[in-house]
Amino acid sequence: MEKNPVISNIVDAFKVLDLINKKAELGITSIAKELNLPKSRVFRIVKSLEEVKAVKQNENTNYVLDYQLLKYANGINNNNQISSIAESYMKKAVALTGESVNLGMQYGQNLLFLKRIHGDFYRLQATLAPIGDLYTSGAGKLFLSQWEDKQLQNYFNGLPTRTVNTVNTYDGFKNQQKSILETNISMDEEEYEYGLSCIAAPILDKNKTIIYAVSISGPTSRLKHKGMKFITNALQECAQSIQEELIDLDFQLNI
């Protein structure tokens, strides 16, 4: 009799990934209960996925999706579409300001950069990863600004600092949230890396929900020399142009 070619461990691994993606974060016990699998089996699967950077353990000891999966996320048609639509407007902003322009979206509890067009070279741009924390970036804070208080309290629980400017507490972020909601502008002032700042603006859907964010990043001293108002105006024009085209196309995010 021919053996079943299906490898059960791989099937169960994708069940684990699907569940974590649905729930945002889960512990091994919860995964085992949800999938009705032995805890020891789930433990081995999760540790294997962690080894290949498909999942990672957060500060709450739960597991979330990690960056290795993002190469597949980048292949999703809608993300390719938004990148294509945004590219010309991003290039215009780069030509106008000389600084790097980034397009990002929330991915679970992280920020995923879908596209980045570099401006004038600066050393720190090589250190910017395709995925990062929401709380250490201007773009990420835009998404956080829409979260409910309870969700924010759970998120801002033991987050590490990267610089002395990093805002990693609930109370600290609440002080920023009001300004972000009023101005539709968010800033990272050397919170991710010393010497690096960025300004971010939202891209809204027809329901006024933030679906993407566009940001301009560069050396703090250079941005200030060029003028933060000038940089902000160029950024807002870029974000508004992308948003108008998406709404005209009745674009919907399905991820």
Protein backbone atom coordinates (compact mmCIF):
# COMPACT_ATOMS: atom_id res chain seq x y z
CA MET A 1 0.00 0.00 0.00
CA GLU A 2 1.35 3.44 -0.95
CA LYS A 3 2.34 5.62 1.99
CA ASN A 4 0.68 8.96 2.56
CA PRO A 5 3.10 11.57 1.11
CA VAL A 6 1.90 14.26 3.51
CA ILE A 7 4.38 15.13 6.28
CA SER A 8 2.25 15.73 9.37
CA ASN A 9 4.86 17.87 11.12
CA ILE A 10 4.86 20.38 8.26
CA VAL A 11 1.07 20.48 8.19
CA ASP A 12 0.96 21.10 11.94
CA ALA A 13 3.67 23.76 11.67
CA PHE A 14 1.53 25.74 9.24
CA LYS A 15 -1.46 25.31 11.54
CA VAL A 16 0.65 26.86 14.29
CA LEU A 17 1.69 29.75 12.03
CA ASP A 18 -1.90 30.35 10.92
CA LEU A 19 -3.09 30.41 14.53
CA ILE A 20 -0.38 32.83 15.68
CA ASN A 21 -1.13 35.06 12.71
CA LYS A 22 -4.83 35.07 13.62
CA LYS A 23 -4.32 35.69 17.34
CA ALA A 24 -1.23 38.00 16.99
CA GLU A 25 0.52 36.22 19.88
CA LEU A 26 0.11 32.94 21.76
CA GLY A 27 1.92 30.73 24.25
CA ILE A 28 2.66 27.05 23.73
CA THR A 29 -0.08 25.90 26.11
CA SER A 30 -2.71 27.99 24.31
CA ILE A 31 -1.54 26.76 20.90
CA ALA A 32 -1.76 23.13 22.03
CA LYS A 33 -5.26 23.68 23.39
CA GLU A 34 -6.52 25.52 20.31
CA LEU A 35 -5.16 22.93 17.89
CA ASN A 36 -5.84 19.92 20.09
CA LEU A 37 -2.23 18.81 19.82
CA PRO A 38 0.08 17.39 22.50
CA LYS A 39 1.98 20.16 24.26
CA SER A 40 5.30 18.36 23.69
CA ARG A 41 4.63 18.25 19.94
CA VAL A 42 3.74 21.94 19.84
CA PHE A 43 6.88 22.76 21.83
CA ARG A 44 9.10 21.01 19.27
CA ILE A 45 7.32 22.65 16.35
CA VAL A 46 7.52 26.13 17.86
CA LYS A 47 11.19 25.75 18.77
CA SER A 48 11.92 24.60 15.20
CA LEU A 49 10.07 27.61 13.79
CA GLU A 50 11.97 29.85 16.18
CA GLU A 51 15.28 28.38 14.99
CA VAL A 52 14.53 29.40 11.37
CA LYS A 53 13.23 32.85 12.44
CA ALA A 54 9.62 32.10 11.47
CA VAL A 55 8.44 32.94 15.00
CA LYS A 56 9.99 34.68 17.98
CA GLN A 57 9.23 34.92 21.68
CA ASN A 58 8.19 38.32 22.99
CA GLU A 59 8.53 39.86 26.43
CA ASN A 60 5.31 38.14 27.60
CA THR A 61 6.85 34.73 26.69
CA ASN A 62 4.22 34.38 23.97
CA TYR A 63 5.19 33.73 20.36
CA VAL A 64 4.67 36.11 17.43
CA LEU A 65 5.55 35.88 13.75
CA ASP A 66 9.13 36.79 12.88
CA TYR A 67 10.84 38.38 9.88
CA GLN A 68 11.61 35.18 7.92
CA LEU A 69 7.98 35.05 6.80
CA LEU A 70 8.05 38.55 5.40
CA LYS A 71 9.55 37.48 2.07
CA TYR A 72 6.27 35.68 1.49
CA ALA A 73 4.21 38.60 2.72
CA ASN A 74 6.00 40.79 0.19
CA GLY A 75 4.69 38.54 -2.54
CA ILE A 76 1.06 39.26 -1.73
CA ASN A 77 -0.56 40.98 -4.67
CA ASN A 78 -2.02 43.92 -2.74
CA ASN A 79 1.34 44.84 -1.29
CA ASN A 80 2.90 44.73 -4.73
CA GLN A 81 0.10 46.94 -5.97
CA ILE A 82 0.49 49.55 -3.25
CA SER A 83 4.26 49.60 -3.81
CA SER A 84 3.78 50.19 -7.53
CA ILE A 85 1.24 52.94 -6.93
CA ALA A 86 3.37 54.66 -4.30
CA GLU A 87 6.70 54.48 -6.12
CA SER A 88 6.35 57.52 -8.37
CA TYR A 89 5.16 59.72 -5.51
CA MET A 90 7.94 58.45 -3.25
CA LYS A 91 10.54 59.20 -5.93
CA LYS A 92 9.17 62.71 -6.26
CA ALA A 93 9.56 63.25 -2.51
CA VAL A 94 13.11 61.87 -2.62
CA ALA A 95 14.00 64.22 -5.49
CA LEU A 96 12.51 67.17 -3.62
CA THR A 97 14.06 66.53 -0.20
CA GLY A 98 17.13 64.41 -0.97
CA GLU A 99 16.13 62.11 1.90
CA SER A 100 14.99 58.48 2.07
CA VAL A 101 11.27 57.78 1.79
CA ASN A 102 9.73 54.64 3.28
CA LEU A 103 6.37 52.91 2.86
CA GLY A 104 5.23 50.76 5.77
CA MET A 105 2.31 48.86 7.20
CA GLN A 106 1.41 47.23 10.49
CA TYR A 107 2.23 43.53 10.50
CA GLY A 108 0.94 41.96 13.69
CA GLN A 109 2.67 43.96 16.40
CA ASN A 110 5.50 45.02 14.13
CA LEU A 111 6.13 47.51 11.34
CA LEU A 112 6.83 46.05 7.91
CA PHE A 113 8.53 48.23 5.31
CA LEU A 114 7.11 47.39 1.89
CA LYS A 115 9.32 49.77 -0.03
CA ARG A 116 12.24 52.09 0.66
CA ILE A 117 13.75 54.56 -1.79
CA HIS A 118 17.06 55.95 -0.60
CA GLY A 119 18.03 59.59 -0.82
CA ASP A 120 21.47 60.98 -0.10
CA PHE A 121 23.66 58.36 1.55
CA TYR A 122 24.05 58.25 5.27
CA ARG A 123 25.73 55.55 7.29
CA LEU A 124 22.71 54.57 9.39
CA GLN A 125 20.50 53.67 6.45
CA ALA A 126 22.34 50.36 6.11
CA THR A 127 21.21 49.37 9.63
CA LEU A 128 17.49 49.78 8.96
CA ALA A 129 15.80 46.38 8.89
CA PRO A 130 12.72 45.54 6.75
CA ILE A 131 10.75 44.95 9.93
CA GLY A 132 10.89 46.84 13.18
CA ASP A 133 9.08 47.72 16.37
CA LEU A 134 6.07 50.00 16.22
CA TYR A 135 7.06 52.09 19.23
CA THR A 136 10.52 53.10 17.97
CA SER A 137 9.41 54.52 14.61
CA GLY A 138 7.37 57.46 13.45
CA ALA A 139 5.34 55.24 11.13
CA GLY A 140 4.74 52.65 13.82
CA LYS A 141 3.41 55.27 16.23
CA LEU A 142 0.75 56.22 13.70
CA PHE A 143 -0.68 52.71 13.92
CA LEU A 144 -0.34 52.65 17.71
CA SER A 145 -2.27 55.92 17.93
CA GLN A 146 -5.40 54.06 16.74
CA TRP A 147 -5.20 51.34 19.39
CA GLU A 148 -7.54 51.19 22.37
CA ASP A 149 -6.12 51.96 25.81
CA LYS A 150 -6.25 48.34 27.00
CA GLN A 151 -4.36 47.16 23.93
CA LEU A 152 -1.77 49.90 24.42
CA GLN A 153 -1.32 49.00 28.10
CA ASN A 154 -0.66 45.38 27.17
CA TYR A 155 1.74 46.41 24.41
CA PHE A 156 3.75 48.88 26.50
CA ASN A 157 4.72 46.29 29.08
CA GLY A 158 8.46 45.90 29.60
CA LEU A 159 9.55 47.18 26.20
CA PRO A 160 13.32 47.77 25.97
CA THR A 161 14.94 51.12 25.25
CA ARG A 162 17.23 51.71 22.28
CA THR A 163 18.29 55.28 23.12
CA VAL A 164 17.66 57.73 25.96
CA ASN A 165 14.89 59.20 23.78
CA THR A 166 12.97 55.96 23.34
CA VAL A 167 9.36 56.23 24.51
CA ASN A 168 8.65 52.73 25.82
CA THR A 169 5.90 53.26 28.41
CA TYR A 170 2.14 53.61 28.16
CA ASP A 171 2.11 57.00 29.91
CA GLY A 172 4.90 58.29 27.70
CA PHE A 173 3.12 57.29 24.53
CA LYS A 174 -0.23 58.70 25.69
CA ASN A 175 1.50 62.08 25.88
CA GLN A 176 2.42 61.72 22.21
CA GLN A 177 -0.84 60.14 21.04
CA LYS A 178 -2.91 63.31 21.38
CA SER A 179 -0.54 65.27 19.15
CA ILE A 180 -0.42 62.46 16.58
CA LEU A 181 -4.22 62.28 16.36
CA GLU A 182 -4.53 66.06 16.08
CA THR A 183 -1.84 66.61 13.46
CA ASN A 184 -1.73 63.29 11.57
CA ILE A 185 2.04 63.54 11.86
CA SER A 186 4.29 61.32 13.96
CA MET A 187 7.99 61.62 14.69
CA ASP A 188 10.85 59.45 15.80
CA GLU A 189 13.45 61.81 17.24
CA GLU A 190 16.46 59.54 17.67
CA GLU A 191 14.35 56.92 19.45
CA TYR A 192 15.55 54.04 17.28
CA GLU A 193 19.12 55.13 16.66
CA TYR A 194 21.22 58.09 17.74
CA GLY A 195 21.62 60.57 14.90
CA LEU A 196 18.61 59.25 12.96
CA SER A 197 15.16 60.86 12.88
CA CYS A 198 12.05 60.37 10.79
CA ILE A 199 8.69 61.99 10.18
CA ALA A 200 5.67 59.91 9.21
CA ALA A 201 2.22 60.59 7.75
CA PRO A 202 -0.72 58.19 7.37
CA ILE A 203 -2.36 56.81 4.26
CA LEU A 204 -6.05 56.34 4.98
CA ASP A 205 -8.72 54.23 3.32
CA LYS A 206 -12.18 55.57 2.53
CA ASN A 207 -13.24 54.74 6.10
CA LYS A 208 -10.49 56.99 7.52
CA THR A 209 -8.54 54.01 8.88
CA ILE A 210 -4.75 54.02 8.61
CA ILE A 211 -3.74 51.22 6.25
CA TYR A 212 -0.22 52.38 5.36
CA ALA A 213 2.25 55.01 6.48
CA VAL A 214 4.88 56.91 4.54
CA SER A 215 7.90 58.39 6.25
CA ILE A 216 10.97 60.46 5.48
CA SER A 217 14.11 59.52 7.39
CA GLY A 218 17.61 60.89 7.57
CA PRO A 219 20.31 62.28 9.82
CA THR A 220 18.76 64.51 12.46
CA SER A 221 21.14 67.40 11.81
CA ARG A 222 20.52 67.31 8.05
CA LEU A 223 16.74 67.22 8.42
CA LYS A 224 16.83 70.20 10.77
CA HIS A 225 19.16 72.08 8.43
CA LYS A 226 16.77 71.59 5.52
CA GLY A 227 13.82 72.58 7.71
CA MET A 228 11.35 70.28 9.40
CA LYS A 229 8.40 72.24 7.96
CA PHE A 230 9.78 71.76 4.45
CA ILE A 231 10.28 68.03 5.04
CA THR A 232 6.80 67.68 6.57
CA ASN A 233 5.11 69.47 3.67
CA ALA A 234 6.83 67.20 1.14
CA LEU A 235 5.83 64.15 3.17
CA GLN A 236 2.19 65.19 3.46
CA GLU A 237 1.98 65.85 -0.27
CA CYS A 238 3.39 62.37 -0.95
CA ALA A 239 1.00 60.66 1.48
CA GLN A 240 -2.02 62.58 0.17
CA SER A 241 -1.23 61.73 -3.45
CA ILE A 242 -0.92 58.01 -2.69
CA GLN A 243 -4.10 58.08 -0.62
CA GLU A 244 -6.13 59.81 -3.32
CA GLU A 245 -5.08 57.30 -5.96
CA LEU A 246 -5.88 54.34 -3.71
CA ILE A 247 -9.33 55.71 -2.92
CA ASP A 248 -9.95 56.44 -6.60
CA LEU A 249 -9.16 52.81 -7.34
CA ASP A 250 -11.33 51.71 -4.40
CA PHE A 251 -8.32 49.78 -3.15
CA GLN A 252 -8.97 47.42 -0.25
CA LEU A 253 -6.35 45.89 2.03
CA ASN A 254 -6.74 42.12 2.28
CA ILE A 255 -3.86 40.70 4.36
